[in-house]
Amino acid sequence: DITLAWPTTSILLPNPHRNVQALRIDAARHL
């Protein structure tokens, strides 16, 4: 029963596809 805390900087992924994913998810949250 563990919770892993990853560095917050790892959320900004270098993969452009992943960044597009994040933008779409954020837009969907507002819409």
PDB file of all heavy atoms in Angstrom:
ATOM      1  N   ASP A   1       0.862  -1.187   0.000  1.00  0.00           N
ATOM      2  CA  ASP A   1       0.000   0.000   0.000  1.00  0.00           C
ATOM      3  C   ASP A   1       0.897   1.235   0.000  1.00  0.00           C
ATOM      4  O   ASP A   1       1.183   1.821   1.032  1.00  0.00           O
ATOM      5  CB  ASP A   1      -0.919  -0.019   1.225  1.00  0.00           C
ATOM      6  CG  ASP A   1      -1.855   1.191   1.270  1.00  0.00           C
ATOM      7  OD1 ASP A   1      -1.971   1.878   0.240  1.00  0.00           O
ATOM      8  OD2 ASP A   1      -2.447   1.436   2.329  1.00  0.00           O
ATOM      9  N   ILE A   2       1.352   1.617  -1.179  1.00  0.00           N
ATOM     10  CA  ILE A   2       2.306   2.720  -1.287  1.00  0.00           C
ATOM     11  C   ILE A   2       1.810   3.747  -2.295  1.00  0.00           C
ATOM     12  O   ILE A   2       1.026   3.439  -3.188  1.00  0.00           O
ATOM     13  CB  ILE A   2       3.706   2.222  -1.697  1.00  0.00           C
ATOM     14  CG1 ILE A   2       3.662   1.601  -3.097  1.00  0.00           C
ATOM     15  CG2 ILE A   2       4.259   1.238  -0.676  1.00  0.00           C
ATOM     16  CD1 ILE A   2       5.025   1.268  -3.641  1.00  0.00           C
ATOM     17  N   THR A   3       2.257   4.971  -2.118  1.00  0.00           N
ATOM     18  CA  THR A   3       1.979   6.059  -3.051  1.00  0.00           C
ATOM     19  C   THR A   3       3.319   6.646  -3.496  1.00  0.00           C
ATOM     20  O   THR A   3       4.103   7.100  -2.663  1.00  0.00           O
ATOM     21  CB  THR A   3       1.116   7.152  -2.398  1.00  0.00           C
ATOM     22  OG1 THR A   3      -0.111   6.581  -1.959  1.00  0.00           O
ATOM     23  CG2 THR A   3       0.825   8.265  -3.399  1.00  0.00           C
ATOM     24  N   LEU A   4       3.556   6.623  -4.796  1.00  0.00           N
ATOM     25  CA  LEU A   4       4.817   7.121  -5.341  1.00  0.00           C
ATOM     26  C   LEU A   4       4.668   8.582  -5.715  1.00  0.00           C
ATOM     27  O   LEU A   4       3.744   8.948  -6.438  1.00  0.00           O
ATOM     28  CB  LEU A   4       5.217   6.301  -6.575  1.00  0.00           C
ATOM     29  CG  LEU A   4       5.273   4.781  -6.396  1.00  0.00           C
ATOM     30  CD1 LEU A   4       5.645   4.118  -7.719  1.00  0.00           C
ATOM     31  CD2 LEU A   4       6.260   4.388  -5.316  1.00  0.00           C
ATOM     32  N   ALA A   5       5.554   9.429  -5.226  1.00  0.00           N
ATOM     33  CA  ALA A   5       5.535  10.856  -5.544  1.00  0.00           C
ATOM     34  C   ALA A   5       6.606  11.142  -6.587  1.00  0.00           C
ATOM     35  O   ALA A   5       7.806  11.132  -6.287  1.00  0.00           O
ATOM     36  CB  ALA A   5       5.769  11.695  -4.285  1.00  0.00           C
ATOM     37  N   TRP A   6       6.161  11.375  -7.823  1.00  0.00           N
ATOM     38  CA  TRP A   6       7.088  11.684  -8.911  1.00  0.00           C
ATOM     39  C   TRP A   6       7.345  13.192  -8.941  1.00  0.00           C
ATOM     40  O   TRP A   6       6.491  13.983  -8.541  1.00  0.00           O
ATOM     41  CB  TRP A   6       6.505  11.238 -10.241  1.00  0.00           C
ATOM     42  CG  TRP A   6       6.152   9.795 -10.280  1.00  0.00           C
ATOM     43  CD1 TRP A   6       4.987   9.229  -9.857  1.00  0.00           C
ATOM     44  CD2 TRP A   6       6.965   8.717 -10.754  1.00  0.00           C
ATOM     45  NE1 TRP A   6       5.021   7.860 -10.035  1.00  0.00           N
ATOM     46  CE2 TRP A   6       6.227   7.521 -10.592  1.00  0.00           C
ATOM     47  CE3 TRP A   6       8.243   8.650 -11.309  1.00  0.00           C
ATOM     48  CZ2 TRP A   6       6.723   6.274 -10.953  1.00  0.00           C
ATOM     49  CZ3 TRP A   6       8.731   7.401 -11.680  1.00  0.00           C
ATOM     50  CH2 TRP A   6       7.987   6.247 -11.502  1.00  0.00           C
ATOM     51  N   PRO A   7       8.479  13.633  -9.398  1.00  0.00           N
ATOM     52  CA  PRO A   7       8.749  15.076  -9.488  1.00  0.00           C
ATOM     53  C   PRO A   7       7.717  15.757 -10.384  1.00  0.00           C
ATOM     54  O   PRO A   7       7.292  15.206 -11.409  1.00  0.00           O
ATOM     55  CB  PRO A   7      10.154  15.143 -10.097  1.00  0.00           C
ATOM     56  CG  PRO A   7      10.763  13.807  -9.816  1.00  0.00           C
ATOM     57  CD  PRO A   7       9.635  12.828  -9.821  1.00  0.00           C
ATOM     58  N   THR A   8       7.304  16.962  -9.990  1.00  0.00           N
ATOM     59  CA  THR A   8       6.295  17.672 -10.770  1.00  0.00           C
ATOM     60  C   THR A   8       6.792  18.037 -12.157  1.00  0.00           C
ATOM     61  O   THR A   8       6.003  18.165 -13.091  1.00  0.00           O
ATOM     62  CB  THR A   8       5.877  18.953 -10.037  1.00  0.00           C
ATOM     63  OG1 THR A   8       7.055  19.739  -9.756  1.00  0.00           O
ATOM     64  CG2 THR A   8       5.188  18.629  -8.728  1.00  0.00           C
ATOM     65  N   THR A   9       8.084  18.157 -12.313  1.00  0.00           N
ATOM     66  CA  THR A   9       8.612  18.509 -13.636  1.00  0.00           C
ATOM     67  C   THR A   9       8.410  17.391 -14.645  1.00  0.00           C
ATOM     68  O   THR A   9       8.397  17.635 -15.840  1.00  0.00           O
ATOM     69  CB  THR A   9      10.114  18.825 -13.550  1.00  0.00           C
ATOM     70  OG1 THR A   9      10.793  17.724 -12.908  1.00  0.00           O
ATOM     71  CG2 THR A   9      10.348  20.086 -12.749  1.00  0.00           C
ATOM     72  N   SER A  10       8.186  16.161 -14.150  1.00  0.00           N
ATOM     73  CA  SER A  10       8.005  15.059 -15.083  1.00  0.00           C
ATOM     74  C   SER A  10       6.658  15.123 -15.783  1.00  0.00           C
ATOM     75  O   SER A  10       6.425  14.423 -16.754  1.00  0.00           O
ATOM     76  CB  SER A  10       8.124  13.720 -14.351  1.00  0.00           C
ATOM     77  OG  SER A  10       7.082  13.587 -13.404  1.00  0.00           O
ATOM     78  N   ILE A  11       5.747  15.955 -15.295  1.00  0.00           N
ATOM     79  CA  ILE A  11       4.444  16.097 -15.936  1.00  0.00           C
ATOM     80  C   ILE A  11       4.587  16.785 -17.291  1.00  0.00           C
ATOM     81  O   ILE A  11       3.836  16.526 -18.226  1.00  0.00           O
ATOM     82  CB  ILE A  11       3.494  16.896 -15.024  1.00  0.00           C
ATOM     83  CG1 ILE A  11       3.265  16.110 -13.726  1.00  0.00           C
ATOM     84  CG2 ILE A  11       2.170  17.174 -15.702  1.00  0.00           C
ATOM     85  CD1 ILE A  11       2.436  16.842 -12.713  1.00  0.00           C
ATOM     86  N   LEU A  12       5.578  17.671 -17.425  1.00  0.00           N
ATOM     87  CA  LEU A  12       5.811  18.351 -18.697  1.00  0.00           C
ATOM     88  C   LEU A  12       6.641  17.427 -19.575  1.00  0.00           C
ATOM     89  O   LEU A  12       7.864  17.424 -19.528  1.00  0.00           O
ATOM     90  CB  LEU A  12       6.545  19.682 -18.447  1.00  0.00           C
ATOM     91  CG  LEU A  12       5.783  20.666 -17.549  1.00  0.00           C
ATOM     92  CD1 LEU A  12       6.644  21.894 -17.280  1.00  0.00           C
ATOM     93  CD2 LEU A  12       4.462  21.067 -18.184  1.00  0.00           C
ATOM     94  N   LEU A  13       5.974  16.618 -20.308  1.00  0.00           N
ATOM     95  CA  LEU A  13       6.637  15.569 -21.059  1.00  0.00           C
ATOM     96  C   LEU A  13       7.281  16.112 -22.338  1.00  0.00           C
ATOM     97  O   LEU A  13       6.709  16.961 -23.009  1.00  0.00           O
ATOM     98  CB  LEU A  13       5.621  14.480 -21.406  1.00  0.00           C
ATOM     99  CG  LEU A  13       4.935  13.863 -20.185  1.00  0.00           C
ATOM    100  CD1 LEU A  13       3.759  13.015 -20.623  1.00  0.00           C
ATOM    101  CD2 LEU A  13       5.916  13.021 -19.397  1.00  0.00           C
ATOM    102  N   PRO A  14       8.454  15.601 -22.695  1.00  0.00           N
ATOM    103  CA  PRO A  14       9.108  16.098 -23.908  1.00  0.00           C
ATOM    104  C   PRO A  14       8.435  15.595 -25.180  1.00  0.00           C
ATOM    105  O   PRO A  14       8.619  16.147 -26.242  1.00  0.00           O
ATOM    106  CB  PRO A  14      10.531  15.536 -23.786  1.00  0.00           C
ATOM    107  CG  PRO A  14      10.395  14.327 -22.911  1.00  0.00           C
ATOM    108  CD  PRO A  14       9.286  14.636 -21.954  1.00  0.00           C
ATOM    109  N   ASN A  15       7.652  14.511 -25.091  1.00  0.00           N
ATOM    110  CA  ASN A  15       6.987  13.957 -26.252  1.00  0.00           C
ATOM    111  C   ASN A  15       5.885  14.911 -26.722  1.00  0.00           C
ATOM    112  O   ASN A  15       4.939  15.183 -25.980  1.00  0.00           O
ATOM    113  CB  ASN A  15       6.381  12.590 -25.890  1.00  0.00           C
ATOM    114  CG  ASN A  15       5.832  11.869 -27.109  1.00  0.00           C
ATOM    115  OD1 ASN A  15       5.459  12.498 -28.099  1.00  0.00           O
ATOM    116  ND2 ASN A  15       5.775  10.555 -27.022  1.00  0.00           N
ATOM    117  N   PRO A  16       5.966  15.460 -27.952  1.00  0.00           N
ATOM    118  CA  PRO A  16       4.939  16.399 -28.413  1.00  0.00           C
ATOM    119  C   PRO A  16       3.541  15.795 -28.406  1.00  0.00           C
ATOM    120  O   PRO A  16       2.566  16.483 -28.119  1.00  0.00           O
ATOM    121  CB  PRO A  16       5.400  16.746 -29.838  1.00  0.00           C
ATOM    122  CG  PRO A  16       6.852  16.427 -29.867  1.00  0.00           C
ATOM    123  CD  PRO A  16       7.040  15.275 -28.937  1.00  0.00           C
ATOM    124  N   HIS A  17       3.442  14.496 -28.725  1.00  0.00           N
ATOM    125  CA  HIS A  17       2.130  13.853 -28.722  1.00  0.00           C
ATOM    126  C   HIS A  17       1.505  13.882 -27.341  1.00  0.00           C
ATOM    127  O   HIS A  17       0.302  14.128 -27.194  1.00  0.00           O
ATOM    128  CB  HIS A  17       2.269  12.412 -29.209  1.00  0.00           C
ATOM    129  CG  HIS A  17       0.997  11.620 -29.106  1.00  0.00           C
ATOM    130  ND1 HIS A  17      -0.124  11.915 -29.853  1.00  0.00           N
ATOM    131  CD2 HIS A  17       0.667  10.567 -28.304  1.00  0.00           C
ATOM    132  CE1 HIS A  17      -1.093  11.065 -29.551  1.00  0.00           C
ATOM    133  NE2 HIS A  17      -0.639  10.240 -28.603  1.00  0.00           N
ATOM    134  N   ARG A  18       2.324  13.673 -26.310  1.00  0.00           N
ATOM    135  CA  ARG A  18       1.804  13.700 -24.945  1.00  0.00           C
ATOM    136  C   ARG A  18       1.369  15.105 -24.550  1.00  0.00           C
ATOM    137  O   ARG A  18       0.384  15.274 -23.827  1.00  0.00           O
ATOM    138  CB  ARG A  18       2.873  13.183 -23.977  1.00  0.00           C
ATOM    139  CG  ARG A  18       3.323  11.785 -24.226  1.00  0.00           C
ATOM    140  CD  ARG A  18       2.277  10.780 -23.780  1.00  0.00           C
ATOM    141  NE  ARG A  18       2.420  10.463 -22.390  1.00  0.00           N
ATOM    142  CZ  ARG A  18       1.709   9.558 -21.749  1.00  0.00           C
ATOM    143  NH1 ARG A  18       0.784   8.874 -22.393  1.00  0.00           N
ATOM    144  NH2 ARG A  18       1.891   9.316 -20.469  1.00  0.00           N
ATOM    145  N   ASN A  19       2.084  16.105 -25.017  1.00  0.00           N
ATOM    146  CA  ASN A  19       1.678  17.477 -24.712  1.00  0.00           C
ATOM    147  C   ASN A  19       0.353  17.822 -25.382  1.00  0.00           C
ATOM    148  O   ASN A  19      -0.480  18.517 -24.806  1.00  0.00           O
ATOM    149  CB  ASN A  19       2.769  18.456 -25.166  1.00  0.00           C
ATOM    150  CG  ASN A  19       3.997  18.388 -24.285  1.00  0.00           C
ATOM    151  OD1 ASN A  19       3.902  18.028 -23.110  1.00  0.00           O
ATOM    152  ND2 ASN A  19       5.144  18.707 -24.845  1.00  0.00           N
ATOM    153  N   VAL A  20       0.149  17.342 -26.607  1.00  0.00           N
ATOM    154  CA  VAL A  20      -1.130  17.554 -27.286  1.00  0.00           C
ATOM    155  C   VAL A  20      -2.244  16.850 -26.520  1.00  0.00           C
ATOM    156  O   VAL A  20      -3.347  17.386 -26.361  1.00  0.00           O
ATOM    157  CB  VAL A  20      -1.058  17.047 -28.738  1.00  0.00           C
ATOM    158  CG1 VAL A  20      -2.440  17.055 -29.383  1.00  0.00           C
ATOM    159  CG2 VAL A  20      -0.096  17.908 -29.545  1.00  0.00           C
ATOM    160  N   GLN A  21      -1.969  15.654 -26.024  1.00  0.00           N
ATOM    161  CA  GLN A  21      -2.944  14.936 -25.206  1.00  0.00           C
ATOM    162  C   GLN A  21      -3.358  15.771 -24.002  1.00  0.00           C
ATOM    163  O   GLN A  21      -4.554  15.900 -23.695  1.00  0.00           O
ATOM    164  CB  GLN A  21      -2.368  13.611 -24.721  1.00  0.00           C
ATOM    165  CG  GLN A  21      -2.441  12.471 -25.713  1.00  0.00           C
ATOM    166  CD  GLN A  21      -1.944  11.186 -25.089  1.00  0.00           C
ATOM    167  OE1 GLN A  21      -0.899  11.173 -24.433  1.00  0.00           O
ATOM    168  NE2 GLN A  21      -2.678  10.114 -25.286  1.00  0.00           N
ATOM    169  N   ALA A  22      -2.374  16.318 -23.302  1.00  0.00           N
ATOM    170  CA  ALA A  22      -2.660  17.099 -22.105  1.00  0.00           C
ATOM    171  C   ALA A  22      -3.515  18.324 -22.441  1.00  0.00           C
ATOM    172  O   ALA A  22      -4.427  18.684 -21.691  1.00  0.00           O
ATOM    173  CB  ALA A  22      -1.355  17.526 -21.433  1.00  0.00           C
ATOM    174  N   LEU A  23      -3.228  18.971 -23.569  1.00  0.00           N
ATOM    175  CA  LEU A  23      -4.012  20.139 -23.968  1.00  0.00           C
ATOM    176  C   LEU A  23      -5.456  19.752 -24.287  1.00  0.00           C
ATOM    177  O   LEU A  23      -6.401  20.469 -23.936  1.00  0.00           O
ATOM    178  CB  LEU A  23      -3.354  20.802 -25.182  1.00  0.00           C
ATOM    179  CG  LEU A  23      -2.011  21.503 -24.930  1.00  0.00           C
ATOM    180  CD1 LEU A  23      -1.414  21.980 -26.248  1.00  0.00           C
ATOM    181  CD2 LEU A  23      -2.195  22.675 -23.970  1.00  0.00           C
ATOM    182  N   ARG A  24      -5.648  18.624 -24.953  1.00  0.00           N
ATOM    183  CA  ARG A  24      -6.999  18.177 -25.269  1.00  0.00           C
ATOM    184  C   ARG A  24      -7.787  17.843 -24.006  1.00  0.00           C
ATOM    185  O   ARG A  24      -8.971  18.166 -23.884  1.00  0.00           O
ATOM    186  CB  ARG A  24      -6.937  16.955 -26.188  1.00  0.00           C
ATOM    187  CG  ARG A  24      -6.551  17.284 -27.624  1.00  0.00           C
ATOM    188  CD  ARG A  24      -6.331  16.025 -28.435  1.00  0.00           C
ATOM    189  NE  ARG A  24      -6.069  16.325 -29.836  1.00  0.00           N
ATOM    190  CZ  ARG A  24      -5.572  15.461 -30.719  1.00  0.00           C
ATOM    191  NH1 ARG A  24      -5.291  14.215 -30.310  1.00  0.00           N
ATOM    192  NH2 ARG A  24      -5.379  15.808 -31.967  1.00  0.00           N
ATOM    193  N   ILE A  25      -7.131  17.180 -23.071  1.00  0.00           N
ATOM    194  CA  ILE A  25      -7.804  16.817 -21.818  1.00  0.00           C
ATOM    195  C   ILE A  25      -8.205  18.068 -21.050  1.00  0.00           C
ATOM    196  O   ILE A  25      -9.315  18.160 -20.499  1.00  0.00           O
ATOM    197  CB  ILE A  25      -6.884  15.914 -20.970  1.00  0.00           C
ATOM    198  CG1 ILE A  25      -6.639  14.594 -21.694  1.00  0.00           C
ATOM    199  CG2 ILE A  25      -7.492  15.659 -19.598  1.00  0.00           C
ATOM    200  CD1 ILE A  25      -5.543  13.745 -21.068  1.00  0.00           C
ATOM    201  N   ASP A  26      -7.302  19.049 -20.996  1.00  0.00           N
ATOM    202  CA  ASP A  26      -7.614  20.289 -20.286  1.00  0.00           C
ATOM    203  C   ASP A  26      -8.761  21.041 -20.964  1.00  0.00           C
ATOM    204  O   ASP A  26      -9.645  21.575 -20.293  1.00  0.00           O
ATOM    205  CB  ASP A  26      -6.367  21.173 -20.219  1.00  0.00           C
ATOM    206  CG  ASP A  26      -6.564  22.385 -19.323  1.00  0.00           C
ATOM    207  OD1 ASP A  26      -6.837  22.204 -18.126  1.00  0.00           O
ATOM    208  OD2 ASP A  26      -6.469  23.516 -19.839  1.00  0.00           O
ATOM    209  N   ALA A  27      -8.759  21.069 -22.295  1.00  0.00           N
ATOM    210  CA  ALA A  27      -9.857  21.725 -23.016  1.00  0.00           C
ATOM    211  C   ALA A  27     -11.180  21.014 -22.767  1.00  0.00           C
ATOM    212  O   ALA A  27     -12.232  21.650 -22.587  1.00  0.00           O
ATOM    213  CB  ALA A  27      -9.542  21.772 -24.512  1.00  0.00           C
ATOM    214  N   ALA A  28     -11.143  19.683 -22.737  1.00  0.00           N
ATOM    215  CA  ALA A  28     -12.366  18.917 -22.483  1.00  0.00           C
ATOM    216  C   ALA A  28     -12.907  19.187 -21.089  1.00  0.00           C
ATOM    217  O   ALA A  28     -14.128  19.227 -20.880  1.00  0.00           O
ATOM    218  CB  ALA A  28     -12.083  17.422 -22.661  1.00  0.00           C
ATOM    219  N   ARG A  29     -12.023  19.383 -20.128  1.00  0.00           N
ATOM    220  CA  ARG A  29     -12.472  19.683 -18.765  1.00  0.00           C
ATOM    221  C   ARG A  29     -13.273  20.971 -18.728  1.00  0.00           C
ATOM    222  O   ARG A  29     -14.304  21.071 -18.041  1.00  0.00           O
ATOM    223  CB  ARG A  29     -11.258  19.771 -17.831  1.00  0.00           C
ATOM    224  CG  ARG A  29     -11.609  20.120 -16.393  1.00  0.00           C
ATOM    225  CD  ARG A  29     -10.368  20.017 -15.519  1.00  0.00           C
ATOM    226  NE  ARG A  29      -9.359  20.988 -15.901  1.00  0.00           N
ATOM    227  CZ  ARG A  29      -9.328  22.238 -15.452  1.00  0.00           C
ATOM    228  NH1 ARG A  29     -10.260  22.670 -14.621  1.00  0.00           N
ATOM    229  NH2 ARG A  29      -8.372  23.053 -15.831  1.00  0.00           N
ATOM    230  N   HIS A  30     -12.842  21.972 -19.473  1.00  0.00           N
ATOM    231  CA  HIS A  30     -13.550  23.251 -19.492  1.00  0.00           C
ATOM    232  C   HIS A  30     -14.840  23.184 -20.311  1.00  0.00           C
ATOM    233  O   HIS A  30     -15.797  23.925 -20.042  1.00  0.00           O
ATOM    234  CB  HIS A  30     -12.640  24.350 -20.045  1.00  0.00           C
ATOM    235  CG  HIS A  30     -11.482  24.689 -19.148  1.00  0.00           C
ATOM    236  ND1 HIS A  30     -11.635  25.378 -17.966  1.00  0.00           N
ATOM    237  CD2 HIS A  30     -10.154  24.410 -19.256  1.00  0.00           C
ATOM    238  CE1 HIS A  30     -10.460  25.524 -17.385  1.00  0.00           C
ATOM    239  NE2 HIS A  30      -9.538  24.947 -18.141  1.00  0.00           N
ATOM    240  N   LEU A  31     -14.891  22.297 -21.294  1.00  0.00           N
ATOM    241  CA  LEU A  31     -16.048  22.219 -22.178  1.00  0.00           C
ATOM    242  C   LEU A  31     -17.124  21.256 -21.687  1.00  0.00           C
ATOM    243  O   LEU A  31     -18.250  21.288 -22.193  1.00  0.00           O
ATOM    244  CB  LEU A  31     -15.608  21.778 -23.581  1.00  0.00           C
ATOM    245  CG  LEU A  31     -14.850  22.800 -24.431  1.00  0.00           C
ATOM    246  CD1 LEU A  31     -14.272  22.127 -25.660  1.00  0.00           C
ATOM    247  CD2 LEU A  31     -15.777  23.949 -24.841  1.00  0.00           C
TER     248      LEU A  31
END
